Amino acid sequence: MSTPEFLRALRAIVGVAGLLLDDIAGYVTGARYGVGRALCVVRPGTTEEVSRVIAFCVRERVPFVPQGANTGLVGAGTPDDSGAQIVLGRLIALACRCRGRRSCDSAVRRASLSSRGILI
């Protein structure tokens, strides 16, 4: 499958807004270290879209980098420098079940939980 065909297929899964080709520096540069290149950034909006994107990448043998907040705390959140990988990132949903204090702010990718909080 050619690159344009691959990108069209991804766009069919996640829509125009879910496929980023430009202005992706924040996804390929780690907050602390690591800089790479990516074919594109895919931002699925539902768990079904995540599943379909991953299945499609596996079928087409295209590596992907699942990315959380890209803080650099764990490493391995940025692509390598091959430009062949896609970055899979978006805060789809954060469900907090707590007995105590909780707050979830998806705009800044932060969750504050009590000591008994469970992230799902």
N, C-alpha and C. Protein backbone atom coordinates (compact mmCIF):
# COMPACT_ATOMS: atom_id res chain seq x y z
N MET A 1 0.86 -1.17 0.00
CA MET A 1 0.00 0.00 0.00
C MET A 1 0.91 1.23 0.00
N SER A 2 0.61 2.17 -0.86
CA SER A 2 1.40 3.40 -0.93
C SER A 2 1.09 4.30 0.26
N THR A 3 1.96 5.27 0.49
CA THR A 3 1.75 6.21 1.59
C THR A 3 0.45 6.99 1.43
N PRO A 4 0.14 7.54 0.24
CA PRO A 4 -1.14 8.25 0.10
C PRO A 4 -2.35 7.35 0.38
N GLU A 5 -2.29 6.09 -0.06
CA GLU A 5 -3.39 5.16 0.21
C GLU A 5 -3.50 4.87 1.70
N PHE A 6 -2.36 4.70 2.36
CA PHE A 6 -2.33 4.45 3.78
C PHE A 6 -2.96 5.62 4.54
N LEU A 7 -2.58 6.83 4.20
CA LEU A 7 -3.12 8.02 4.86
C LEU A 7 -4.62 8.18 4.59
N ARG A 8 -5.06 7.88 3.38
CA ARG A 8 -6.50 7.94 3.07
C ARG A 8 -7.28 6.94 3.93
N ALA A 9 -6.71 5.76 4.10
CA ALA A 9 -7.38 4.74 4.91
C ALA A 9 -7.46 5.17 6.38
N LEU A 10 -6.39 5.76 6.89
CA LEU A 10 -6.43 6.27 8.27
C LEU A 10 -7.46 7.38 8.40
N ARG A 11 -7.50 8.27 7.42
CA ARG A 11 -8.47 9.38 7.45
C ARG A 11 -9.90 8.83 7.43
N ALA A 12 -10.12 7.74 6.73
CA ALA A 12 -11.45 7.13 6.69
C ALA A 12 -11.85 6.59 8.06
N ILE A 13 -10.86 6.21 8.86
CA ILE A 13 -11.15 5.68 10.20
C ILE A 13 -11.39 6.80 11.20
N VAL A 14 -10.51 7.82 11.20
CA VAL A 14 -10.55 8.83 12.27
C VAL A 14 -11.08 10.18 11.81
N GLY A 15 -11.35 10.36 10.53
CA GLY A 15 -11.84 11.63 10.03
C GLY A 15 -10.71 12.62 9.79
N VAL A 16 -11.04 13.72 9.17
CA VAL A 16 -10.05 14.74 8.82
C VAL A 16 -9.38 15.31 10.07
N ALA A 17 -10.14 15.59 11.10
CA ALA A 17 -9.59 16.19 12.32
C ALA A 17 -8.73 15.22 13.11
N GLY A 18 -8.88 13.94 12.87
CA GLY A 18 -8.13 12.94 13.62
C GLY A 18 -6.80 12.55 13.02
N LEU A 19 -6.46 13.13 11.87
CA LEU A 19 -5.20 12.81 11.20
C LEU A 19 -4.41 14.09 11.00
N LEU A 20 -3.27 14.18 11.66
CA LEU A 20 -2.43 15.36 11.57
C LEU A 20 -1.21 15.05 10.71
N LEU A 21 -0.96 15.90 9.73
CA LEU A 21 0.21 15.76 8.88
C LEU A 21 1.18 16.92 9.06
N ASP A 22 0.68 18.06 9.48
CA ASP A 22 1.49 19.26 9.68
C ASP A 22 1.44 19.65 11.16
N ASP A 23 2.36 20.49 11.55
CA ASP A 23 2.40 20.99 12.92
C ASP A 23 2.37 19.87 13.95
N ILE A 24 3.26 18.90 13.77
CA ILE A 24 3.29 17.75 14.68
C ILE A 24 4.53 17.75 15.58
N ALA A 25 5.23 18.88 15.64
CA ALA A 25 6.47 18.95 16.43
C ALA A 25 6.25 18.55 17.88
N GLY A 26 5.13 18.91 18.46
CA GLY A 26 4.86 18.55 19.85
C GLY A 26 4.70 17.05 20.07
N TYR A 27 4.44 16.32 19.03
CA TYR A 27 4.28 14.87 19.13
C TYR A 27 5.57 14.11 18.86
N VAL A 28 6.51 14.73 18.19
CA VAL A 28 7.75 14.03 17.83
C VAL A 28 8.95 14.51 18.66
N THR A 29 8.70 15.45 19.56
CA THR A 29 9.74 15.96 20.44
C THR A 29 9.31 15.71 21.88
N GLY A 30 10.11 14.94 22.60
CA GLY A 30 9.79 14.67 23.99
C GLY A 30 9.98 15.90 24.85
N ALA A 31 9.24 15.99 25.93
CA ALA A 31 9.33 17.15 26.81
C ALA A 31 10.70 17.24 27.48
N ARG A 32 11.33 16.12 27.71
CA ARG A 32 12.63 16.11 28.38
C ARG A 32 13.76 15.72 27.44
N TYR A 33 13.54 14.76 26.59
CA TYR A 33 14.57 14.30 25.67
C TYR A 33 13.90 13.51 24.55
N GLY A 34 14.64 13.27 23.51
CA GLY A 34 14.14 12.46 22.40
C GLY A 34 13.45 13.29 21.34
N VAL A 35 13.97 13.18 20.14
CA VAL A 35 13.37 13.83 18.98
C VAL A 35 13.34 12.79 17.87
N GLY A 36 12.24 12.70 17.19
CA GLY A 36 12.13 11.76 16.09
C GLY A 36 11.35 12.35 14.94
N ARG A 37 10.96 11.50 14.01
CA ARG A 37 10.13 11.91 12.88
C ARG A 37 8.99 10.92 12.79
N ALA A 38 7.86 11.39 12.32
CA ALA A 38 6.70 10.50 12.17
C ALA A 38 6.06 10.72 10.82
N LEU A 39 5.49 9.68 10.29
CA LEU A 39 4.73 9.77 9.05
C LEU A 39 3.51 10.67 9.26
N CYS A 40 2.86 10.52 10.42
CA CYS A 40 1.69 11.31 10.76
C CYS A 40 1.36 11.12 12.22
N VAL A 41 0.42 11.88 12.70
CA VAL A 41 -0.12 11.71 14.05
C VAL A 41 -1.59 11.36 13.89
N VAL A 42 -2.00 10.30 14.55
CA VAL A 42 -3.39 9.86 14.49
C VAL A 42 -4.00 10.08 15.87
N ARG A 43 -5.13 10.78 15.89
CA ARG A 43 -5.79 11.11 17.15
C ARG A 43 -7.21 10.54 17.15
N PRO A 44 -7.35 9.24 17.43
CA PRO A 44 -8.69 8.63 17.45
C PRO A 44 -9.55 9.25 18.53
N GLY A 45 -10.84 9.31 18.28
CA GLY A 45 -11.76 9.92 19.22
C GLY A 45 -12.58 8.95 20.03
N THR A 46 -12.53 7.67 19.68
CA THR A 46 -13.29 6.66 20.40
C THR A 46 -12.43 5.42 20.57
N THR A 47 -12.81 4.56 21.48
CA THR A 47 -12.07 3.31 21.66
C THR A 47 -12.18 2.43 20.41
N GLU A 48 -13.30 2.51 19.72
CA GLU A 48 -13.44 1.75 18.47
C GLU A 48 -12.43 2.23 17.43
N GLU A 49 -12.25 3.54 17.34
CA GLU A 49 -11.27 4.07 16.39
C GLU A 49 -9.85 3.65 16.77
N VAL A 50 -9.53 3.65 18.06
CA VAL A 50 -8.22 3.19 18.51
C VAL A 50 -8.01 1.76 18.04
N SER A 51 -8.98 0.91 18.29
CA SER A 51 -8.90 -0.50 17.91
C SER A 51 -8.72 -0.65 16.40
N ARG A 52 -9.48 0.10 15.64
CA ARG A 52 -9.39 -0.01 14.18
C ARG A 52 -8.05 0.49 13.65
N VAL A 53 -7.53 1.57 14.22
CA VAL A 53 -6.24 2.10 13.79
C VAL A 53 -5.13 1.10 14.08
N ILE A 54 -5.13 0.56 15.30
CA ILE A 54 -4.08 -0.40 15.66
C ILE A 54 -4.17 -1.65 14.80
N ALA A 55 -5.37 -2.17 14.59
CA ALA A 55 -5.53 -3.35 13.74
C ALA A 55 -5.05 -3.07 12.31
N PHE A 56 -5.36 -1.90 11.81
CA PHE A 56 -4.93 -1.51 10.46
C PHE A 56 -3.41 -1.42 10.39
N CYS A 57 -2.78 -0.78 11.37
CA CYS A 57 -1.32 -0.66 11.37
C CYS A 57 -0.65 -2.03 11.46
N VAL A 58 -1.18 -2.91 12.29
CA VAL A 58 -0.62 -4.26 12.40
C VAL A 58 -0.76 -4.99 11.07
N ARG A 59 -1.92 -4.90 10.47
CA ARG A 59 -2.16 -5.57 9.19
C ARG A 59 -1.21 -5.04 8.11
N GLU A 60 -0.96 -3.74 8.11
CA GLU A 60 -0.09 -3.12 7.10
C GLU A 60 1.39 -3.10 7.52
N ARG A 61 1.66 -3.62 8.70
CA ARG A 61 3.03 -3.68 9.23
C ARG A 61 3.67 -2.29 9.35
N VAL A 62 2.87 -1.35 9.82
CA VAL A 62 3.36 0.01 10.06
C VAL A 62 3.48 0.18 11.57
N PRO A 63 4.69 0.46 12.06
CA PRO A 63 4.87 0.63 13.50
C PRO A 63 4.19 1.90 14.01
N PHE A 64 3.75 1.84 15.25
CA PHE A 64 3.11 3.01 15.86
C PHE A 64 3.65 3.22 17.26
N VAL A 65 3.59 4.45 17.71
CA VAL A 65 4.05 4.83 19.04
C VAL A 65 2.83 5.33 19.81
N PRO A 66 2.32 4.55 20.78
CA PRO A 66 1.24 5.07 21.60
C PRO A 66 1.81 6.15 22.52
N GLN A 67 1.15 7.27 22.57
CA GLN A 67 1.70 8.40 23.31
C GLN A 67 0.68 8.93 24.30
N GLY A 68 1.13 9.11 25.52
CA GLY A 68 0.27 9.70 26.55
C GLY A 68 0.41 11.20 26.53
N ALA A 69 0.83 11.76 27.64
CA ALA A 69 0.98 13.21 27.75
C ALA A 69 2.30 13.71 27.21
N ASN A 70 3.21 12.79 26.83
CA ASN A 70 4.51 13.14 26.27
C ASN A 70 5.32 14.00 27.22
N THR A 71 5.29 13.65 28.51
CA THR A 71 6.05 14.41 29.50
C THR A 71 7.50 13.97 29.56
N GLY A 72 7.81 12.80 29.02
CA GLY A 72 9.17 12.29 29.05
C GLY A 72 9.50 11.54 30.32
N LEU A 73 8.51 11.35 31.19
CA LEU A 73 8.78 10.66 32.45
C LEU A 73 9.11 9.19 32.25
N VAL A 74 8.52 8.55 31.27
CA VAL A 74 8.77 7.14 31.04
C VAL A 74 9.67 6.88 29.85
N GLY A 75 9.85 7.81 29.00
CA GLY A 75 10.65 7.59 27.80
C GLY A 75 9.88 6.75 26.79
N ALA A 76 10.44 6.57 25.64
CA ALA A 76 9.86 5.77 24.56
C ALA A 76 8.53 6.31 24.07
N GLY A 77 8.25 7.57 24.31
CA GLY A 77 7.00 8.16 23.86
C GLY A 77 7.14 8.96 22.58
N THR A 78 8.35 9.00 22.04
CA THR A 78 8.56 9.72 20.78
C THR A 78 9.00 8.72 19.73
N PRO A 79 8.69 8.98 18.47
CA PRO A 79 9.09 8.06 17.41
C PRO A 79 10.60 8.10 17.18
N ASP A 80 11.11 7.10 16.49
CA ASP A 80 12.52 7.12 16.13
C ASP A 80 12.72 8.10 14.96
N ASP A 81 13.88 8.13 14.39
CA ASP A 81 14.12 9.11 13.33
C ASP A 81 13.90 8.56 11.93
N SER A 82 13.25 7.40 11.81
CA SER A 82 13.03 6.80 10.49
C SER A 82 11.94 7.50 9.69
N GLY A 83 10.97 8.11 10.38
CA GLY A 83 9.85 8.72 9.69
C GLY A 83 8.82 7.72 9.20
N ALA A 84 8.99 6.45 9.56
CA ALA A 84 8.08 5.41 9.09
C ALA A 84 6.97 5.12 10.10
N GLN A 85 7.12 5.60 11.32
CA GLN A 85 6.14 5.30 12.36
C GLN A 85 5.03 6.34 12.36
N ILE A 86 3.91 5.94 12.95
CA ILE A 86 2.86 6.91 13.24
C ILE A 86 2.80 7.09 14.75
N VAL A 87 2.37 8.25 15.18
CA VAL A 87 2.18 8.52 16.60
C VAL A 87 0.69 8.43 16.88
N LEU A 88 0.33 7.64 17.85
CA LEU A 88 -1.06 7.44 18.22
C LEU A 88 -1.28 8.14 19.55
N GLY A 89 -1.92 9.29 19.52
CA GLY A 89 -2.07 10.03 20.76
C GLY A 89 -3.36 10.83 20.83
N ARG A 90 -3.98 10.77 21.96
CA ARG A 90 -5.12 11.62 22.28
C ARG A 90 -5.70 11.14 23.59
N LEU A 91 -6.09 12.07 24.40
CA LEU A 91 -6.76 11.67 25.62
C LEU A 91 -8.20 11.36 25.25
N ILE A 92 -8.51 10.08 25.14
CA ILE A 92 -9.84 9.67 24.71
C ILE A 92 -10.84 9.84 25.84
N ALA A 93 -10.51 9.26 26.96
CA ALA A 93 -11.42 9.38 28.11
C ALA A 93 -10.62 9.09 29.36
N LEU A 94 -10.93 9.76 30.39
CA LEU A 94 -10.30 9.50 31.67
C LEU A 94 -11.43 9.35 32.67
N ALA A 95 -11.61 8.14 33.12
CA ALA A 95 -12.68 7.88 34.08
C ALA A 95 -12.05 7.78 35.46
N CYS A 96 -12.55 8.51 36.36
CA CYS A 96 -12.01 8.52 37.72
C CYS A 96 -13.07 7.99 38.68
N ARG A 97 -12.73 6.94 39.39
CA ARG A 97 -13.60 6.44 40.44
C ARG A 97 -12.87 6.68 41.75
N CYS A 98 -13.40 7.53 42.55
CA CYS A 98 -12.71 7.90 43.79
C CYS A 98 -13.68 7.95 44.95
N ARG A 99 -13.13 7.73 46.13
CA ARG A 99 -13.91 7.95 47.34
C ARG A 99 -13.64 9.34 47.89
N GLY A 100 -12.57 9.95 47.47
CA GLY A 100 -12.19 11.26 47.97
C GLY A 100 -12.23 12.30 46.88
N ARG A 101 -11.33 13.25 47.01
CA ARG A 101 -11.25 14.37 46.09
C ARG A 101 -10.79 13.92 44.71
N ARG A 102 -11.36 14.53 43.66
CA ARG A 102 -10.93 14.23 42.31
C ARG A 102 -11.21 15.41 41.40
N SER A 103 -10.37 15.54 40.41
CA SER A 103 -10.63 16.51 39.35
C SER A 103 -9.90 16.03 38.10
N CYS A 104 -10.54 16.19 36.97
CA CYS A 104 -9.96 15.78 35.70
C CYS A 104 -10.02 16.98 34.76
N ASP A 105 -8.88 17.36 34.23
CA ASP A 105 -8.79 18.49 33.32
C ASP A 105 -8.12 18.02 32.04
N SER A 106 -8.91 17.64 31.06
CA SER A 106 -8.35 17.10 29.82
C SER A 106 -7.64 18.16 29.00
N ALA A 107 -7.96 19.43 29.20
CA ALA A 107 -7.31 20.49 28.42
C ALA A 107 -5.82 20.57 28.72
N VAL A 108 -5.44 20.30 29.94
CA VAL A 108 -4.02 20.33 30.30
C VAL A 108 -3.50 18.93 30.63
N ARG A 109 -4.33 17.91 30.35
CA ARG A 109 -3.94 16.51 30.52
C ARG A 109 -3.51 16.22 31.96
N ARG A 110 -4.36 16.60 32.91
CA ARG A 110 -4.02 16.40 34.31
C ARG A 110 -5.21 15.82 35.06
N ALA A 111 -4.91 14.88 35.93
CA ALA A 111 -5.92 14.33 36.82
C ALA A 111 -5.38 14.42 38.24
N SER A 112 -6.18 14.90 39.15
CA SER A 112 -5.81 14.95 40.57
C SER A 112 -6.75 14.01 41.30
N LEU A 113 -6.17 13.06 42.01
CA LEU A 113 -6.96 12.04 42.69
C LEU A 113 -6.55 11.93 44.14
N SER A 114 -7.47 11.44 44.95
CA SER A 114 -7.13 11.11 46.32
C SER A 114 -6.30 9.85 46.29
N SER A 115 -5.83 9.44 47.44
CA SER A 115 -4.98 8.25 47.51
C SER A 115 -5.72 6.97 47.13
N ARG A 116 -7.03 7.00 47.10
CA ARG A 116 -7.80 5.81 46.74
C ARG A 116 -8.35 5.89 45.31
N GLY A 117 -7.84 6.80 44.53
CA GLY A 117 -8.32 6.96 43.16
C GLY A 117 -7.88 5.83 42.27
N ILE A 118 -8.70 5.49 41.32
CA ILE A 118 -8.40 4.44 40.34
C ILE A 118 -8.57 5.05 38.95
N LEU A 119 -7.55 5.00 38.15
CA LEU A 119 -7.65 5.46 36.77
C LEU A 119 -8.01 4.29 35.89
N ILE A 120 -8.95 4.50 35.01
CA ILE A 120 -9.39 3.44 34.10
C ILE A 120 -9.08 3.89 32.69
